[in-house]
Amino acid sequence: MPEHTVSGIEVRPGGERPGWPPCPALAAAVLLLAALPGGSAAQRVREAADLVRNEGQMAEPVTFEFVRMSGPAEGRKTAYDADKKRYFLTVKDIARFRVKAVAADVENRPVILVISGMLDKPEGPLTLRADGKEFSLAPDKANTTLFKVERKDGVTTIEFLPPGRKLLKPGAEFQYIDFYR
């Protein structure tokens, strides 16, 4: 029988791939996730494949809790895009969100935030509070050894460089302030 590839995972009939769950376990996980309400079946299959491919690790490197006036970008149900390996977020007014969970291998995975809704010169630019310190994420003030920050066409892109990823721990908090819009 020929081999098949499902979402980038090689499936061999009648056997296991060394170090991977057996095919029946993968099939059961895919079927269960596809049957859950909310989201598309295709997205759920990709999530299941990501979990298997990453040997049970979190599919996204960081899980955020959106506290106030923040969340996935307009038109999105979830912030993380597994295909692009980026988070698409929106903030407005006085916005806060925090790190809820972090994958064990976060230091080895890209963490890129693409944020809409921020002004060029807000009253309080986006900051990260972590390890008892506050870090500016404004394009002209960000620490370039920790973050790469760009602003183009009203969208801010923040890439956490390897030393910056060490700041991403549960409880780390992001804040943006725009009183006068």
N, C-alpha and C. Protein backbone atom coordinates (compact mmCIF):
# COMPACT_ATOMS: atom_id res chain seq x y z
N MET A 1 0.84 -1.19 0.00
CA MET A 1 0.00 0.00 0.00
C MET A 1 0.88 1.25 0.00
N PRO A 2 0.48 2.30 -0.72
CA PRO A 2 1.29 3.52 -0.76
C PRO A 2 1.20 4.30 0.54
N GLU A 3 2.21 5.14 0.76
CA GLU A 3 2.19 6.03 1.92
C GLU A 3 1.43 7.28 1.56
N HIS A 4 0.88 7.97 2.56
CA HIS A 4 0.12 9.20 2.35
C HIS A 4 0.64 10.28 3.27
N THR A 5 0.37 11.52 2.90
CA THR A 5 0.73 12.64 3.76
C THR A 5 -0.54 13.40 4.10
N VAL A 6 -0.78 13.61 5.39
CA VAL A 6 -1.93 14.37 5.87
C VAL A 6 -1.40 15.55 6.66
N SER A 7 -1.66 16.75 6.17
CA SER A 7 -1.18 17.98 6.83
C SER A 7 0.30 17.89 7.16
N GLY A 8 1.08 17.34 6.25
CA GLY A 8 2.52 17.29 6.45
C GLY A 8 2.99 16.10 7.27
N ILE A 9 2.07 15.22 7.70
CA ILE A 9 2.45 14.05 8.50
C ILE A 9 2.39 12.82 7.61
N GLU A 10 3.47 12.09 7.57
CA GLU A 10 3.53 10.88 6.76
C GLU A 10 2.77 9.78 7.49
N VAL A 11 1.81 9.17 6.82
CA VAL A 11 1.01 8.11 7.41
C VAL A 11 1.32 6.82 6.67
N ARG A 12 1.75 5.81 7.41
CA ARG A 12 2.08 4.52 6.82
C ARG A 12 1.02 3.51 7.23
N PRO A 13 0.37 2.89 6.29
CA PRO A 13 -0.67 1.92 6.62
C PRO A 13 -0.12 0.76 7.44
N GLY A 14 -0.86 0.40 8.47
CA GLY A 14 -0.55 -0.78 9.25
C GLY A 14 0.64 -0.67 10.18
N GLY A 15 1.12 0.50 10.45
CA GLY A 15 2.27 0.58 11.34
C GLY A 15 2.44 1.94 11.96
N GLU A 16 3.48 2.04 12.73
CA GLU A 16 3.79 3.29 13.41
C GLU A 16 5.04 3.88 12.81
N ARG A 17 5.13 5.17 12.92
CA ARG A 17 6.37 5.85 12.57
C ARG A 17 7.15 5.98 13.87
N PRO A 18 8.41 5.61 13.94
CA PRO A 18 9.16 5.65 15.19
C PRO A 18 9.05 7.00 15.90
N GLY A 19 8.67 6.96 17.18
CA GLY A 19 8.56 8.18 17.98
C GLY A 19 7.25 8.91 17.79
N TRP A 20 6.36 8.38 16.98
CA TRP A 20 5.09 9.06 16.71
C TRP A 20 3.94 8.17 17.18
N PRO A 21 2.78 8.75 17.42
CA PRO A 21 1.62 7.92 17.78
C PRO A 21 1.24 7.03 16.60
N PRO A 22 0.60 5.91 16.87
CA PRO A 22 0.16 5.04 15.78
C PRO A 22 -0.91 5.73 14.95
N CYS A 23 -1.07 5.29 13.72
CA CYS A 23 -2.05 5.88 12.81
C CYS A 23 -3.47 5.90 13.39
N PRO A 24 -3.93 4.83 14.06
CA PRO A 24 -5.28 4.88 14.61
C PRO A 24 -5.46 6.02 15.62
N ALA A 25 -4.44 6.30 16.41
CA ALA A 25 -4.55 7.40 17.38
C ALA A 25 -4.66 8.74 16.67
N LEU A 26 -3.90 8.91 15.61
CA LEU A 26 -3.97 10.14 14.83
C LEU A 26 -5.35 10.28 14.21
N ALA A 27 -5.85 9.21 13.63
CA ALA A 27 -7.17 9.25 13.00
C ALA A 27 -8.25 9.60 14.02
N ALA A 28 -8.18 8.98 15.21
CA ALA A 28 -9.18 9.27 16.26
C ALA A 28 -9.10 10.73 16.70
N ALA A 29 -7.89 11.25 16.87
CA ALA A 29 -7.74 12.65 17.29
C ALA A 29 -8.29 13.59 16.24
N VAL A 30 -8.02 13.31 14.97
CA VAL A 30 -8.51 14.16 13.89
C VAL A 30 -10.03 14.13 13.85
N LEU A 31 -10.63 12.97 13.96
CA LEU A 31 -12.09 12.86 13.93
C LEU A 31 -12.74 13.57 15.11
N LEU A 32 -12.18 13.41 16.30
CA LEU A 32 -12.74 14.08 17.47
C LEU A 32 -12.64 15.59 17.37
N LEU A 33 -11.50 16.09 16.95
CA LEU A 33 -11.33 17.54 16.83
C LEU A 33 -12.21 18.11 15.73
N ALA A 34 -12.34 17.40 14.63
CA ALA A 34 -13.16 17.89 13.52
C ALA A 34 -14.63 17.96 13.92
N ALA A 35 -15.06 17.11 14.85
CA ALA A 35 -16.46 17.09 15.25
C ALA A 35 -16.82 18.16 16.28
N LEU A 36 -15.84 18.79 16.90
CA LEU A 36 -16.13 19.81 17.91
C LEU A 36 -16.79 21.03 17.29
N PRO A 37 -17.72 21.68 18.02
CA PRO A 37 -18.35 22.88 17.49
C PRO A 37 -17.37 24.05 17.48
N GLY A 38 -17.61 24.99 16.59
CA GLY A 38 -16.77 26.20 16.52
C GLY A 38 -15.55 25.95 15.66
N GLY A 39 -15.25 26.87 14.77
CA GLY A 39 -14.08 26.73 13.91
C GLY A 39 -14.37 25.76 12.78
N SER A 40 -13.53 25.76 11.79
CA SER A 40 -13.74 24.87 10.65
C SER A 40 -13.09 23.51 10.92
N ALA A 41 -13.61 22.51 10.27
CA ALA A 41 -13.05 21.17 10.41
C ALA A 41 -11.61 21.15 9.90
N ALA A 42 -11.35 21.89 8.81
CA ALA A 42 -10.00 21.92 8.27
C ALA A 42 -9.02 22.51 9.28
N GLN A 43 -9.43 23.58 9.97
CA GLN A 43 -8.56 24.20 10.98
C GLN A 43 -8.31 23.21 12.12
N ARG A 44 -9.35 22.50 12.54
CA ARG A 44 -9.19 21.52 13.62
C ARG A 44 -8.25 20.38 13.20
N VAL A 45 -8.32 19.95 11.95
CA VAL A 45 -7.43 18.90 11.46
C VAL A 45 -5.99 19.41 11.48
N ARG A 46 -5.78 20.67 11.05
CA ARG A 46 -4.43 21.25 11.09
C ARG A 46 -3.92 21.31 12.53
N GLU A 47 -4.80 21.70 13.48
CA GLU A 47 -4.40 21.77 14.88
C GLU A 47 -4.01 20.39 15.40
N ALA A 48 -4.79 19.37 15.05
CA ALA A 48 -4.47 18.01 15.48
C ALA A 48 -3.14 17.56 14.88
N ALA A 49 -2.93 17.86 13.61
CA ALA A 49 -1.67 17.49 12.96
C ALA A 49 -0.50 18.22 13.61
N ASP A 50 -0.70 19.50 13.95
CA ASP A 50 0.36 20.25 14.63
C ASP A 50 0.72 19.61 15.96
N LEU A 51 -0.30 19.18 16.73
CA LEU A 51 -0.03 18.55 18.02
C LEU A 51 0.79 17.28 17.85
N VAL A 52 0.42 16.46 16.86
CA VAL A 52 1.15 15.22 16.63
C VAL A 52 2.55 15.53 16.13
N ARG A 53 2.66 16.45 15.18
CA ARG A 53 3.96 16.80 14.61
C ARG A 53 4.89 17.35 15.69
N ASN A 54 4.32 18.09 16.62
CA ASN A 54 5.12 18.69 17.70
C ASN A 54 5.18 17.80 18.93
N GLU A 55 4.85 16.52 18.76
CA GLU A 55 4.90 15.53 19.83
C GLU A 55 4.16 16.00 21.08
N GLY A 56 2.94 16.51 20.87
CA GLY A 56 2.09 16.91 22.00
C GLY A 56 2.36 18.31 22.50
N GLN A 57 3.33 19.03 21.94
CA GLN A 57 3.60 20.42 22.34
C GLN A 57 2.43 21.30 21.90
N MET A 58 2.32 22.47 22.50
CA MET A 58 1.30 23.43 22.10
C MET A 58 1.52 23.81 20.64
N ALA A 59 0.43 23.95 19.87
CA ALA A 59 0.53 24.34 18.47
C ALA A 59 1.02 25.77 18.34
N GLU A 60 0.61 26.64 19.25
CA GLU A 60 1.08 28.02 19.21
C GLU A 60 2.10 28.22 20.32
N PRO A 61 3.12 29.04 20.07
CA PRO A 61 4.17 29.20 21.07
C PRO A 61 3.71 29.91 22.35
N VAL A 62 2.72 30.82 22.23
CA VAL A 62 2.22 31.57 23.39
C VAL A 62 0.70 31.61 23.32
N THR A 63 0.05 31.43 24.46
CA THR A 63 -1.39 31.61 24.54
C THR A 63 -1.65 32.90 25.31
N PHE A 64 -2.46 33.78 24.71
CA PHE A 64 -2.77 35.06 25.33
C PHE A 64 -4.16 35.06 25.94
N GLU A 65 -4.30 35.80 27.03
CA GLU A 65 -5.60 36.07 27.63
C GLU A 65 -5.89 37.54 27.33
N PHE A 66 -6.98 37.79 26.62
CA PHE A 66 -7.34 39.15 26.24
C PHE A 66 -8.22 39.74 27.35
N VAL A 67 -7.68 40.72 28.06
CA VAL A 67 -8.31 41.26 29.27
C VAL A 67 -9.24 42.42 28.95
N ARG A 68 -8.77 43.38 28.14
CA ARG A 68 -9.56 44.57 27.89
C ARG A 68 -9.23 45.15 26.53
N MET A 69 -10.26 45.40 25.72
CA MET A 69 -10.14 46.11 24.44
C MET A 69 -9.02 45.55 23.56
N SER A 70 -8.88 44.26 23.53
CA SER A 70 -7.88 43.59 22.71
C SER A 70 -8.43 42.24 22.29
N GLY A 71 -7.84 41.67 21.28
CA GLY A 71 -8.27 40.34 20.84
C GLY A 71 -7.77 40.05 19.45
N PRO A 72 -8.31 38.98 18.84
CA PRO A 72 -7.93 38.66 17.46
C PRO A 72 -8.31 39.81 16.53
N ALA A 73 -7.55 39.99 15.46
CA ALA A 73 -7.84 41.05 14.48
C ALA A 73 -9.23 40.84 13.88
N GLU A 74 -9.78 41.91 13.38
CA GLU A 74 -11.12 41.89 12.80
C GLU A 74 -11.25 40.79 11.75
N GLY A 75 -12.33 40.03 11.84
CA GLY A 75 -12.58 38.95 10.90
C GLY A 75 -11.94 37.62 11.28
N ARG A 76 -11.24 37.57 12.40
CA ARG A 76 -10.57 36.34 12.83
C ARG A 76 -11.22 35.82 14.11
N LYS A 77 -11.33 34.51 14.22
CA LYS A 77 -11.85 33.90 15.46
C LYS A 77 -10.72 33.64 16.45
N THR A 78 -9.54 33.36 15.93
CA THR A 78 -8.38 33.13 16.79
C THR A 78 -7.25 34.06 16.34
N ALA A 79 -6.39 34.40 17.26
CA ALA A 79 -5.30 35.33 16.95
C ALA A 79 -4.16 34.65 16.21
N TYR A 80 -3.88 33.39 16.52
CA TYR A 80 -2.70 32.72 15.95
C TYR A 80 -3.02 32.09 14.61
N ASP A 81 -2.17 32.33 13.64
CA ASP A 81 -2.28 31.71 12.32
C ASP A 81 -1.13 30.70 12.22
N ALA A 82 -1.46 29.43 12.32
CA ALA A 82 -0.45 28.37 12.34
C ALA A 82 0.32 28.29 11.02
N ASP A 83 -0.33 28.61 9.91
CA ASP A 83 0.35 28.55 8.61
C ASP A 83 1.39 29.66 8.49
N LYS A 84 1.05 30.87 8.93
CA LYS A 84 1.97 32.00 8.82
C LYS A 84 2.87 32.15 10.04
N LYS A 85 2.52 31.40 11.10
CA LYS A 85 3.27 31.44 12.36
C LYS A 85 3.34 32.86 12.91
N ARG A 86 2.16 33.52 12.94
CA ARG A 86 2.03 34.89 13.43
C ARG A 86 0.72 35.04 14.18
N TYR A 87 0.71 36.00 15.08
CA TYR A 87 -0.51 36.37 15.78
C TYR A 87 -1.05 37.64 15.12
N PHE A 88 -2.34 37.67 14.83
CA PHE A 88 -2.98 38.85 14.26
C PHE A 88 -3.93 39.41 15.32
N LEU A 89 -3.56 40.57 15.87
CA LEU A 89 -4.26 41.16 17.00
C LEU A 89 -4.80 42.54 16.67
N THR A 90 -5.75 43.00 17.47
CA THR A 90 -6.21 44.37 17.41
C THR A 90 -6.29 44.91 18.83
N VAL A 91 -5.98 46.20 18.98
CA VAL A 91 -6.10 46.88 20.26
C VAL A 91 -6.76 48.24 20.03
N LYS A 92 -7.37 48.77 21.08
CA LYS A 92 -7.92 50.13 21.01
C LYS A 92 -8.15 50.64 22.41
N ASP A 93 -8.34 51.97 22.51
CA ASP A 93 -8.65 52.61 23.78
C ASP A 93 -7.54 52.29 24.79
N ILE A 94 -7.91 51.74 25.92
CA ILE A 94 -6.93 51.26 26.90
C ILE A 94 -7.01 49.74 26.83
N ALA A 95 -6.00 49.15 26.22
CA ALA A 95 -6.03 47.72 25.94
C ALA A 95 -5.02 46.98 26.81
N ARG A 96 -5.44 45.80 27.24
CA ARG A 96 -4.54 44.94 28.02
C ARG A 96 -4.74 43.49 27.59
N PHE A 97 -3.63 42.80 27.47
CA PHE A 97 -3.67 41.35 27.31
C PHE A 97 -2.43 40.78 27.96
N ARG A 98 -2.51 39.52 28.35
CA ARG A 98 -1.38 38.92 29.07
C ARG A 98 -1.09 37.52 28.57
N VAL A 99 0.10 37.07 28.90
CA VAL A 99 0.53 35.72 28.55
C VAL A 99 -0.13 34.76 29.53
N LYS A 100 -0.87 33.81 28.99
CA LYS A 100 -1.56 32.82 29.82
C LYS A 100 -0.73 31.53 29.92
N ALA A 101 -0.14 31.13 28.81
CA ALA A 101 0.67 29.90 28.79
C ALA A 101 1.74 30.03 27.70
N VAL A 102 2.81 29.27 27.87
CA VAL A 102 3.93 29.30 26.94
C VAL A 102 4.34 27.87 26.63
N ALA A 103 4.61 27.58 25.36
CA ALA A 103 5.09 26.26 24.97
C ALA A 103 6.49 26.05 25.55
N ALA A 104 6.81 24.82 25.84
CA ALA A 104 8.11 24.50 26.44
C ALA A 104 9.27 24.92 25.53
N ASP A 105 9.02 24.94 24.23
CA ASP A 105 10.09 25.28 23.28
C ASP A 105 9.95 26.69 22.70
N VAL A 106 9.31 27.59 23.44
CA VAL A 106 9.06 28.95 22.93
C VAL A 106 10.34 29.66 22.51
N GLU A 107 11.43 29.40 23.16
CA GLU A 107 12.69 30.07 22.82
C GLU A 107 13.21 29.67 21.45
N ASN A 108 12.71 28.56 20.91
CA ASN A 108 13.15 28.08 19.61
C ASN A 108 12.14 28.31 18.49
N ARG A 109 11.03 28.98 18.81
CA ARG A 109 9.97 29.19 17.83
C ARG A 109 9.74 30.68 17.60
N PRO A 110 9.37 31.06 16.38
CA PRO A 110 9.12 32.49 16.13
C PRO A 110 7.88 32.97 16.88
N VAL A 111 7.98 34.17 17.45
CA VAL A 111 6.83 34.82 18.06
C VAL A 111 6.73 36.20 17.41
N ILE A 112 5.72 36.36 16.56
CA ILE A 112 5.54 37.60 15.81
C ILE A 112 4.10 38.06 16.00
N LEU A 113 3.95 39.30 16.47
CA LEU A 113 2.63 39.91 16.66
C LEU A 113 2.41 40.94 15.56
N VAL A 114 1.29 40.84 14.87
CA VAL A 114 0.89 41.82 13.86
C VAL A 114 -0.34 42.51 14.44
N ILE A 115 -0.17 43.79 14.80
CA ILE A 115 -1.20 44.48 15.60
C ILE A 115 -1.78 45.66 14.83
N SER A 116 -3.10 45.67 14.71
CA SER A 116 -3.81 46.79 14.09
C SER A 116 -4.54 47.55 15.19
N GLY A 117 -4.95 48.77 14.86
CA GLY A 117 -5.73 49.58 15.79
C GLY A 117 -4.93 50.59 16.58
N MET A 118 -3.61 50.54 16.50
CA MET A 118 -2.78 51.48 17.26
C MET A 118 -2.52 52.74 16.43
N LEU A 119 -2.41 53.86 17.13
CA LEU A 119 -2.06 55.12 16.49
C LEU A 119 -0.55 55.21 16.31
N ASP A 120 -0.12 56.11 15.40
CA ASP A 120 1.31 56.33 15.21
C ASP A 120 1.95 56.90 16.47
N LYS A 121 1.27 57.82 17.14
CA LYS A 121 1.81 58.46 18.35
C LYS A 121 0.75 58.41 19.47
N PRO A 122 0.52 57.25 20.05
CA PRO A 122 -0.49 57.16 21.11
C PRO A 122 0.02 57.77 22.42
N GLU A 123 -0.91 58.03 23.31
CA GLU A 123 -0.55 58.57 24.63
C GLU A 123 0.38 57.60 25.36
N GLY A 124 0.04 56.33 25.32
CA GLY A 124 0.87 55.30 25.96
C GLY A 124 1.13 54.19 24.97
N PRO A 125 2.29 54.19 24.31
CA PRO A 125 2.57 53.14 23.32
C PRO A 125 2.55 51.76 23.98
N LEU A 126 2.42 50.75 23.15
CA LEU A 126 2.38 49.38 23.65
C LEU A 126 3.63 49.08 24.47
N THR A 127 3.41 48.50 25.65
CA THR A 127 4.52 48.10 26.51
C THR A 127 4.31 46.65 26.95
N LEU A 128 5.40 46.04 27.34
CA LEU A 128 5.39 44.69 27.91
C LEU A 128 5.95 44.81 29.31
N ARG A 129 5.19 44.31 30.28
CA ARG A 129 5.68 44.24 31.66
C ARG A 129 6.01 42.78 31.96
N ALA A 130 7.30 42.56 32.25
CA ALA A 130 7.76 41.20 32.52
C ALA A 130 8.99 41.26 33.41
N ASP A 131 9.14 40.29 34.27
CA ASP A 131 10.31 40.21 35.17
C ASP A 131 10.50 41.49 35.97
N GLY A 132 9.41 42.15 36.37
CA GLY A 132 9.48 43.36 37.18
C GLY A 132 9.95 44.60 36.44
N LYS A 133 10.01 44.52 35.11
CA LYS A 133 10.46 45.66 34.30
C LYS A 133 9.41 45.96 33.24
N GLU A 134 9.50 47.18 32.67
CA GLU A 134 8.61 47.58 31.59
C GLU A 134 9.44 47.82 30.33
N PHE A 135 9.00 47.23 29.22
CA PHE A 135 9.71 47.33 27.95
C PHE A 135 8.80 47.99 26.93
N SER A 136 9.27 49.09 26.33
CA SER A 136 8.51 49.76 25.28
C SER A 136 8.57 48.92 24.01
N LEU A 137 7.42 48.85 23.33
CA LEU A 137 7.35 48.16 22.04
C LEU A 137 7.03 49.15 20.93
N ALA A 138 7.30 50.44 21.19
CA ALA A 138 7.14 51.48 20.16
C ALA A 138 8.29 51.34 19.17
N PRO A 139 8.03 51.54 17.88
CA PRO A 139 9.08 51.35 16.87
C PRO A 139 10.36 52.14 17.14
N ASP A 140 10.24 53.35 17.67
CA ASP A 140 11.42 54.18 17.88
C ASP A 140 12.05 54.03 19.27
N LYS A 141 11.43 53.22 20.15
CA LYS A 141 11.94 53.09 21.51
C LYS A 141 12.23 51.66 21.94
N ALA A 142 11.88 50.69 21.12
CA ALA A 142 12.05 49.28 21.51
C ALA A 142 13.53 48.90 21.57
N ASN A 143 13.85 48.05 22.53
CA ASN A 143 15.21 47.52 22.68
C ASN A 143 15.48 46.58 21.50
N THR A 144 16.40 46.95 20.63
CA THR A 144 16.64 46.19 19.40
C THR A 144 17.37 44.86 19.62
N THR A 145 17.83 44.62 20.85
CA THR A 145 18.42 43.30 21.13
C THR A 145 17.33 42.31 21.55
N LEU A 146 16.15 42.84 21.92
CA LEU A 146 15.04 42.00 22.37
C LEU A 146 13.93 41.87 21.33
N PHE A 147 13.68 42.98 20.58
CA PHE A 147 12.53 43.04 19.68
C PHE A 147 12.91 43.70 18.36
N LYS A 148 12.24 43.28 17.32
CA LYS A 148 12.30 43.98 16.04
C LYS A 148 10.90 44.52 15.80
N VAL A 149 10.75 45.86 15.80
CA VAL A 149 9.44 46.48 15.69
C VAL A 149 9.39 47.35 14.45
N GLU A 150 8.36 47.14 13.63
CA GLU A 150 8.16 47.93 12.42
C GLU A 150 6.72 48.41 12.38
N ARG A 151 6.54 49.60 11.82
CA ARG A 151 5.19 50.14 11.65
C ARG A 151 5.03 50.53 10.19
N LYS A 152 3.98 50.00 9.56
CA LYS A 152 3.75 50.30 8.15
C LYS A 152 2.25 50.27 7.88
N ASP A 153 1.75 51.32 7.24
CA ASP A 153 0.34 51.41 6.84
C ASP A 153 -0.61 51.16 8.01
N GLY A 154 -0.29 51.70 9.18
CA GLY A 154 -1.17 51.58 10.34
C GLY A 154 -1.09 50.25 11.07
N VAL A 155 -0.17 49.39 10.69
CA VAL A 155 -0.03 48.07 11.33
C VAL A 155 1.37 47.98 11.94
N THR A 156 1.43 47.52 13.18
CA THR A 156 2.71 47.35 13.87
C THR A 156 3.04 45.86 13.92
N THR A 157 4.25 45.52 13.51
CA THR A 157 4.71 44.13 13.56
C THR A 157 5.85 44.05 14.57
N ILE A 158 5.69 43.16 15.54
CA ILE A 158 6.68 42.98 16.60
C ILE A 158 7.19 41.55 16.54
N GLU A 159 8.48 41.42 16.29
CA GLU A 159 9.12 40.10 16.32
C GLU A 159 9.93 40.01 17.60
N PHE A 160 9.68 38.98 18.38
CA PHE A 160 10.45 38.75 19.59
C PHE A 160 11.70 37.99 19.20
N LEU A 161 12.85 38.62 19.38
CA LEU A 161 14.13 37.98 19.10
C LEU A 161 14.43 36.97 20.21
N PRO A 162 15.37 36.04 20.03
CA PRO A 162 15.60 35.01 21.06
C PRO A 162 15.71 35.54 22.49
N PRO A 163 16.46 36.62 22.77
CA PRO A 163 16.49 37.11 24.16
C PRO A 163 15.12 37.66 24.62
N GLY A 164 14.36 38.23 23.70
CA GLY A 164 13.04 38.76 24.02
C GLY A 164 12.03 37.68 24.33
N ARG A 165 12.19 36.51 23.71
CA ARG A 165 11.26 35.40 23.97
C ARG A 165 11.37 34.90 25.41
N LYS A 166 12.53 35.13 26.04
CA LYS A 166 12.69 34.72 27.44
C LYS A 166 11.78 35.52 28.37
N LEU A 167 11.31 36.67 27.92
CA LEU A 167 10.40 37.50 28.73
C LEU A 167 8.97 36.99 28.68
N LEU A 168 8.66 36.14 27.72
CA LEU A 168 7.30 35.64 27.56
C LEU A 168 7.05 34.49 28.52
N LYS A 169 6.50 34.85 29.67
CA LYS A 169 6.19 33.90 30.73
C LYS A 169 4.76 34.15 31.17
N PRO A 170 4.08 33.13 31.71
CA PRO A 170 2.73 33.38 32.21
C PRO A 170 2.71 34.57 33.17
N GLY A 171 1.75 35.47 32.95
CA GLY A 171 1.61 36.66 33.78
C GLY A 171 2.23 37.90 33.15
N ALA A 172 3.12 37.76 32.18
CA ALA A 172 3.67 38.94 31.49
C ALA A 172 2.49 39.67 30.84
N GLU A 173 2.49 41.00 30.94
CA GLU A 173 1.32 41.77 30.51
C GLU A 173 1.68 42.84 29.49
N PHE A 174 0.82 42.97 28.49
CA PHE A 174 0.93 44.00 27.47
C PHE A 174 -0.12 45.07 27.75
N GLN A 175 0.25 46.34 27.51
CA GLN A 175 -0.70 47.43 27.72
C GLN A 175 -0.50 48.49 26.64
N TYR A 176 -1.63 49.04 26.17
CA TYR A 176 -1.63 50.12 25.18
C TYR A 176 -2.63 51.16 25.66
N ILE A 177 -2.26 52.45 25.60
CA ILE A 177 -3.16 53.51 26.06
C ILE A 177 -3.35 54.54 24.96
N ASP A 178 -4.62 54.79 24.63
CA ASP A 178 -5.00 55.80 23.65
C ASP A 178 -6.28 56.47 24.17
N PHE A 179 -6.11 57.51 24.99
CA PHE A 179 -7.25 58.19 25.59
C PHE A 179 -8.03 59.07 24.61
N TYR A 180 -7.33 59.65 23.64
CA TYR A 180 -7.91 60.76 22.88
C TYR A 180 -8.38 60.44 21.48
N ARG A 181 -8.64 59.23 21.17
CA ARG A 181 -9.08 58.93 19.81
C ARG A 181 -10.52 59.31 19.65
